[in-house]
């Protein structure tokens, strides 16, 4: 009976070291979960902006397809204008070249200021007369650099890079 009382006294409670080890294990686990959540959010944001860039690219391709006369002469190949063209083609009759300028301006407005637009988005549209092909490169600040962001070049080789979407469309 005496032996039983002694063994009960030795295991009278949980030691402080055991509690600290349990808290440490729990903290490491919670930090791991927080890290996974952060990585998941970063990836889902990348996918969202890539999808937005693809949608904007498709929008421009649709505008090009609707204006074949201007498209076949490369009128859409230009840096998108940042100021509104002199003629409003939504309310006036325009030539195909004027419509191309209007389309590029509207498209650039949507790309840079539209709801859900990628941050610091910019685009270049090029025309290869020999192949009758437009290339559209859209870049955005995927790293969150803010004022320090400089738009990189974006080519077909860079299409898997963060902050870069590249598309090509053959008119002919």
C-alpha atoms as a PDB file:
ATOM      1  CA  UNK A   1       0.000   0.000   0.000  1.00  0.00           C
ATOM      2  CA  UNK A   2       2.870   2.345   0.848  1.00  0.00           C
ATOM      3  CA  UNK A   3       4.427   1.766  -2.588  1.00  0.00           C
ATOM      4  CA  UNK A   4       1.217   2.735  -4.308  1.00  0.00           C
ATOM      5  CA  UNK A   5       1.056   6.098  -2.522  1.00  0.00           C
ATOM      6  CA  UNK A   6       4.629   6.933  -3.545  1.00  0.00           C
ATOM      7  CA  UNK A   7       4.033   6.235  -7.254  1.00  0.00           C
ATOM      8  CA  UNK A   8       0.888   8.380  -7.251  1.00  0.00           C
ATOM      9  CA  UNK A   9       2.800  11.292  -5.747  1.00  0.00           C
ATOM     10  CA  UNK A  10       5.463  11.129  -8.497  1.00  0.00           C
ATOM     11  CA  UNK A  11       2.836  11.476 -11.262  1.00  0.00           C
ATOM     12  CA  UNK A  12       0.828  14.161  -9.591  1.00  0.00           C
ATOM     13  CA  UNK A  13       0.490  16.493 -12.648  1.00  0.00           C
ATOM     14  CA  UNK A  14       1.711  17.569 -16.059  1.00  0.00           C
ATOM     15  CA  UNK A  15       5.090  19.187 -16.008  1.00  0.00           C
ATOM     16  CA  UNK A  16       5.729  22.633 -17.432  1.00  0.00           C
ATOM     17  CA  UNK A  17       8.144  21.188 -19.986  1.00  0.00           C
ATOM     18  CA  UNK A  18       5.459  18.905 -21.410  1.00  0.00           C
ATOM     19  CA  UNK A  19       3.068  21.854 -21.765  1.00  0.00           C
ATOM     20  CA  UNK A  20       5.748  23.941 -23.505  1.00  0.00           C
ATOM     21  CA  UNK A  21       6.543  21.115 -25.934  1.00  0.00           C
ATOM     22  CA  UNK A  22       2.827  20.723 -26.732  1.00  0.00           C
ATOM     23  CA  UNK A  23       2.470  24.483 -27.335  1.00  0.00           C
ATOM     24  CA  UNK A  24       5.566  24.458 -29.548  1.00  0.00           C
ATOM     25  CA  UNK A  25       4.230  21.578 -31.659  1.00  0.00           C
ATOM     26  CA  UNK A  26       0.873  23.348 -31.984  1.00  0.00           C
ATOM     27  CA  UNK A  27       2.555  26.646 -32.969  1.00  0.00           C
ATOM     28  CA  UNK A  28       4.672  24.981 -35.666  1.00  0.00           C
ATOM     29  CA  UNK A  29       1.566  23.295 -37.042  1.00  0.00           C
ATOM     30  CA  UNK A  30      -0.389  26.555 -37.126  1.00  0.00           C
ATOM     31  CA  UNK A  31       2.507  28.346 -38.856  1.00  0.00           C
ATOM     32  CA  UNK A  32       2.555  25.600 -41.472  1.00  0.00           C
ATOM     33  CA  UNK A  33      -1.167  26.005 -42.095  1.00  0.00           C
ATOM     34  CA  UNK A  34      -0.747  29.794 -42.377  1.00  0.00           C
ATOM     35  CA  UNK A  35       2.081  29.296 -44.894  1.00  0.00           C
ATOM     36  CA  UNK A  36      -0.053  26.976 -46.996  1.00  0.00           C
ATOM     37  CA  UNK A  37      -2.912  29.471 -46.902  1.00  0.00           C
ATOM     38  CA  UNK A  38      -0.594  32.264 -48.042  1.00  0.00           C
ATOM     39  CA  UNK A  39       0.824  30.180 -50.909  1.00  0.00           C
ATOM     40  CA  UNK A  40      -2.687  29.170 -51.960  1.00  0.00           C
ATOM     41  CA  UNK A  41      -3.838  32.793 -52.021  1.00  0.00           C
ATOM     42  CA  UNK A  42      -0.801  33.835 -54.077  1.00  0.00           C
ATOM     43  CA  UNK A  43      -1.411  31.078 -56.637  1.00  0.00           C
ATOM     44  CA  UNK A  44      -5.129  31.789 -56.910  1.00  0.00           C
ATOM     45  CA  UNK A  45      -4.376  35.495 -57.460  1.00  0.00           C
ATOM     46  CA  UNK A  46      -1.877  34.602 -60.211  1.00  0.00           C
ATOM     47  CA  UNK A  47      -4.440  32.376 -61.901  1.00  0.00           C
ATOM     48  CA  UNK A  48      -7.128  35.065 -61.627  1.00  0.00           C
ATOM     49  CA  UNK A  49      -4.984  37.749 -63.268  1.00  0.00           C
ATOM     50  CA  UNK A  50      -3.827  35.332 -65.981  1.00  0.00           C
ATOM     51  CA  UNK A  51      -7.469  34.556 -66.709  1.00  0.00           C
ATOM     52  CA  UNK A  52      -8.262  38.272 -66.815  1.00  0.00           C
ATOM     53  CA  UNK A  53      -5.384  38.878 -69.259  1.00  0.00           C
ATOM     54  CA  UNK A  54      -6.648  36.032 -71.450  1.00  0.00           C
ATOM     55  CA  UNK A  55     -10.150  37.544 -71.408  1.00  0.00           C
ATOM     56  CA  UNK A  56      -8.817  40.985 -72.388  1.00  0.00           C
ATOM     57  CA  UNK A  57      -6.730  39.412 -75.140  1.00  0.00           C
ATOM     58  CA  UNK A  58      -9.783  37.584 -76.489  1.00  0.00           C
ATOM     59  CA  UNK A  59     -11.755  40.838 -76.374  1.00  0.00           C
ATOM     60  CA  UNK A  60      -9.182  42.549 -78.594  1.00  0.00           C
ATOM     61  CA  UNK A  61      -9.095  39.591 -80.970  1.00  0.00           C
ATOM     62  CA  UNK A  62     -12.890  39.820 -81.279  1.00  0.00           C
ATOM     63  CA  UNK A  63     -12.614  43.531 -82.058  1.00  0.00           C
ATOM     64  CA  UNK A  64      -9.963  42.790 -84.692  1.00  0.00           C
ATOM     65  CA  UNK A  65     -12.147  40.089 -86.261  1.00  0.00           C
ATOM     66  CA  UNK A  66     -15.096  42.505 -86.430  1.00  0.00           C
ATOM     67  CA  UNK A  67     -13.037  45.080 -88.354  1.00  0.00           C
ATOM     68  CA  UNK A  68     -11.363  43.013 -91.083  1.00  0.00           C
ATOM     69  CA  UNK A  69     -10.460  45.993 -93.289  1.00  0.00           C
ATOM     70  CA  UNK A  70      -8.345  47.622 -90.590  1.00  0.00           C
ATOM     71  CA  UNK A  71      -7.115  44.261 -89.318  1.00  0.00           C
ATOM     72  CA  UNK A  72      -5.702  43.188 -92.666  1.00  0.00           C
ATOM     73  CA  UNK A  73      -3.621  46.357 -92.968  1.00  0.00           C
ATOM     74  CA  UNK A  74      -2.192  46.233 -89.438  1.00  0.00           C
ATOM     75  CA  UNK A  75      -4.151  49.209 -88.067  1.00  0.00           C
ATOM     76  CA  UNK A  76      -4.494  47.520 -84.675  1.00  0.00           C
ATOM     77  CA  UNK A  77      -0.713  47.234 -84.268  1.00  0.00           C
ATOM     78  CA  UNK A  78       0.142  50.154 -82.103  1.00  0.00           C
ATOM     79  CA  UNK A  79       0.662  51.054 -78.503  1.00  0.00           C
ATOM     80  CA  UNK A  80      -2.886  51.439 -77.233  1.00  0.00           C
ATOM     81  CA  UNK A  81      -3.746  55.156 -76.980  1.00  0.00           C
ATOM     82  CA  UNK A  82      -4.096  56.596 -73.504  1.00  0.00           C
ATOM     83  CA  UNK A  83      -6.298  59.522 -74.539  1.00  0.00           C
ATOM     84  CA  UNK A  84      -9.662  59.304 -76.247  1.00  0.00           C
ATOM     85  CA  UNK A  85      -9.492  59.493 -80.060  1.00  0.00           C
ATOM     86  CA  UNK A  86     -10.943  62.573 -81.732  1.00  0.00           C
ATOM     87  CA  UNK A  87     -13.961  60.704 -83.067  1.00  0.00           C
ATOM     88  CA  UNK A  88     -16.382  58.732 -80.892  1.00  0.00           C
ATOM     89  CA  UNK A  89     -17.192  55.650 -82.950  1.00  0.00           C
ATOM     90  CA  UNK A  90     -19.967  54.627 -80.551  1.00  0.00           C
ATOM     91  CA  UNK A  91     -22.115  57.540 -81.686  1.00  0.00           C
ATOM     92  CA  UNK A  92     -20.642  58.422 -85.108  1.00  0.00           C
ATOM     93  CA  UNK A  93     -19.859  56.624 -88.329  1.00  0.00           C
ATOM     94  CA  UNK A  94     -16.144  55.920 -88.549  1.00  0.00           C
ATOM     95  CA  UNK A  95     -13.710  54.610 -91.109  1.00  0.00           C
ATOM     96  CA  UNK A  96     -12.112  51.252 -90.393  1.00  0.00           C
ATOM     97  CA  UNK A  97      -8.867  52.981 -89.285  1.00  0.00           C
ATOM     98  CA  UNK A  98     -10.781  55.301 -86.927  1.00  0.00           C
ATOM     99  CA  UNK A  99     -12.650  52.292 -85.560  1.00  0.00           C
ATOM    100  CA  UNK A 100      -9.321  50.553 -84.909  1.00  0.00           C
ATOM    101  CA  UNK A 101      -8.119  53.581 -82.900  1.00  0.00           C
ATOM    102  CA  UNK A 102     -11.414  53.680 -80.991  1.00  0.00           C
ATOM    103  CA  UNK A 103     -11.286  49.928 -80.289  1.00  0.00           C
ATOM    104  CA  UNK A 104      -7.702  50.117 -79.045  1.00  0.00           C
ATOM    105  CA  UNK A 105      -8.526  53.061 -76.768  1.00  0.00           C
ATOM    106  CA  UNK A 106     -11.620  51.391 -75.311  1.00  0.00           C
ATOM    107  CA  UNK A 107      -9.761  48.121 -74.869  1.00  0.00           C
ATOM    108  CA  UNK A 108      -6.832  49.834 -73.143  1.00  0.00           C
ATOM    109  CA  UNK A 109      -9.218  51.690 -70.822  1.00  0.00           C
ATOM    110  CA  UNK A 110     -10.793  48.376 -69.791  1.00  0.00           C
ATOM    111  CA  UNK A 111      -7.393  46.715 -69.382  1.00  0.00           C
ATOM    112  CA  UNK A 112      -5.903  49.431 -67.221  1.00  0.00           C
ATOM    113  CA  UNK A 113      -8.889  50.675 -65.206  1.00  0.00           C
ATOM    114  CA  UNK A 114     -11.635  48.057 -65.569  1.00  0.00           C
ATOM    115  CA  UNK A 115     -13.067  46.093 -62.671  1.00  0.00           C
ATOM    116  CA  UNK A 116     -10.776  43.144 -61.906  1.00  0.00           C
ATOM    117  CA  UNK A 117      -8.043  44.397 -64.224  1.00  0.00           C
ATOM    118  CA  UNK A 118      -4.528  43.181 -63.377  1.00  0.00           C
ATOM    119  CA  UNK A 119      -2.496  45.740 -61.374  1.00  0.00           C
ATOM    120  CA  UNK A 120      -0.330  48.095 -63.448  1.00  0.00           C
ATOM    121  CA  UNK A 121      -1.401  46.307 -66.626  1.00  0.00           C
ATOM    122  CA  UNK A 122       0.084  47.369 -69.942  1.00  0.00           C
ATOM    123  CA  UNK A 123      -0.044  45.891 -73.418  1.00  0.00           C
ATOM    124  CA  UNK A 124       1.667  45.899 -76.774  1.00  0.00           C
ATOM    125  CA  UNK A 125       0.048  44.856 -80.024  1.00  0.00           C
ATOM    126  CA  UNK A 126       2.298  44.007 -82.972  1.00  0.00           C
ATOM    127  CA  UNK A 127       1.578  43.111 -86.585  1.00  0.00           C
ATOM    128  CA  UNK A 128       3.637  40.864 -88.860  1.00  0.00           C
ATOM    129  CA  UNK A 129       2.611  41.748 -92.402  1.00  0.00           C
ATOM    130  CA  UNK A 130       4.371  38.728 -93.935  1.00  0.00           C
ATOM    131  CA  UNK A 131       2.326  36.245 -91.916  1.00  0.00           C
ATOM    132  CA  UNK A 132      -0.771  38.370 -91.336  1.00  0.00           C
ATOM    133  CA  UNK A 133      -0.447  37.809 -87.598  1.00  0.00           C
ATOM    134  CA  UNK A 134      -1.145  40.007 -84.597  1.00  0.00           C
ATOM    135  CA  UNK A 135       0.649  39.356 -81.336  1.00  0.00           C
ATOM    136  CA  UNK A 136      -0.751  40.670 -78.081  1.00  0.00           C
ATOM    137  CA  UNK A 137       1.458  40.864 -75.004  1.00  0.00           C
ATOM    138  CA  UNK A 138      -0.102  41.849 -71.687  1.00  0.00           C
ATOM    139  CA  UNK A 139       2.031  42.388 -68.592  1.00  0.00           C
ATOM    140  CA  UNK A 140       1.105  43.275 -65.019  1.00  0.00           C
ATOM    141  CA  UNK A 141       2.664  43.714 -61.591  1.00  0.00           C
ATOM    142  CA  UNK A 142       2.452  40.134 -60.332  1.00  0.00           C
ATOM    143  CA  UNK A 143       5.102  40.726 -57.661  1.00  0.00           C
ATOM    144  CA  UNK A 144       3.256  43.637 -56.036  1.00  0.00           C
ATOM    145  CA  UNK A 145       6.142  46.079 -56.493  1.00  0.00           C
ATOM    146  CA  UNK A 146       3.888  49.121 -56.820  1.00  0.00           C
ATOM    147  CA  UNK A 147       5.750  52.271 -57.865  1.00  0.00           C
ATOM    148  CA  UNK A 148       8.966  50.295 -58.460  1.00  0.00           C
ATOM    149  CA  UNK A 149       7.309  48.124 -61.124  1.00  0.00           C
ATOM    150  CA  UNK A 150       8.641  48.289 -64.671  1.00  0.00           C
ATOM    151  CA  UNK A 151       6.781  46.323 -67.330  1.00  0.00           C
ATOM    152  CA  UNK A 152       8.981  43.528 -68.700  1.00  0.00           C
ATOM    153  CA  UNK A 153       9.018  42.288 -72.248  1.00  0.00           C
ATOM    154  CA  UNK A 154       6.589  39.472 -72.821  1.00  0.00           C
ATOM    155  CA  UNK A 155       7.014  37.008 -75.680  1.00  0.00           C
ATOM    156  CA  UNK A 156       5.783  33.528 -76.508  1.00  0.00           C
ATOM    157  CA  UNK A 157       8.804  32.164 -74.617  1.00  0.00           C
ATOM    158  CA  UNK A 158       7.835  34.104 -71.467  1.00  0.00           C
ATOM    159  CA  UNK A 159       4.180  33.060 -71.502  1.00  0.00           C
ATOM    160  CA  UNK A 160       4.581  30.917 -68.385  1.00  0.00           C
ATOM    161  CA  UNK A 161       6.186  33.743 -66.410  1.00  0.00           C
ATOM    162  CA  UNK A 162       4.258  35.500 -63.661  1.00  0.00           C
ATOM    163  CA  UNK A 163       2.782  38.757 -64.890  1.00  0.00           C
ATOM    164  CA  UNK A 164       2.953  37.895 -68.584  1.00  0.00           C
ATOM    165  CA  UNK A 165       0.314  36.745 -71.076  1.00  0.00           C
ATOM    166  CA  UNK A 166       1.091  36.395 -74.776  1.00  0.00           C
ATOM    167  CA  UNK A 167      -1.321  35.544 -77.593  1.00  0.00           C
ATOM    168  CA  UNK A 168      -1.065  35.434 -81.373  1.00  0.00           C
ATOM    169  CA  UNK A 169      -3.888  35.726 -83.896  1.00  0.00           C
ATOM    170  CA  UNK A 170      -3.586  35.188 -87.628  1.00  0.00           C
ATOM    171  CA  UNK A 171      -5.981  37.348 -89.645  1.00  0.00           C
ATOM    172  CA  UNK A 172      -5.636  35.555 -92.960  1.00  0.00           C
END
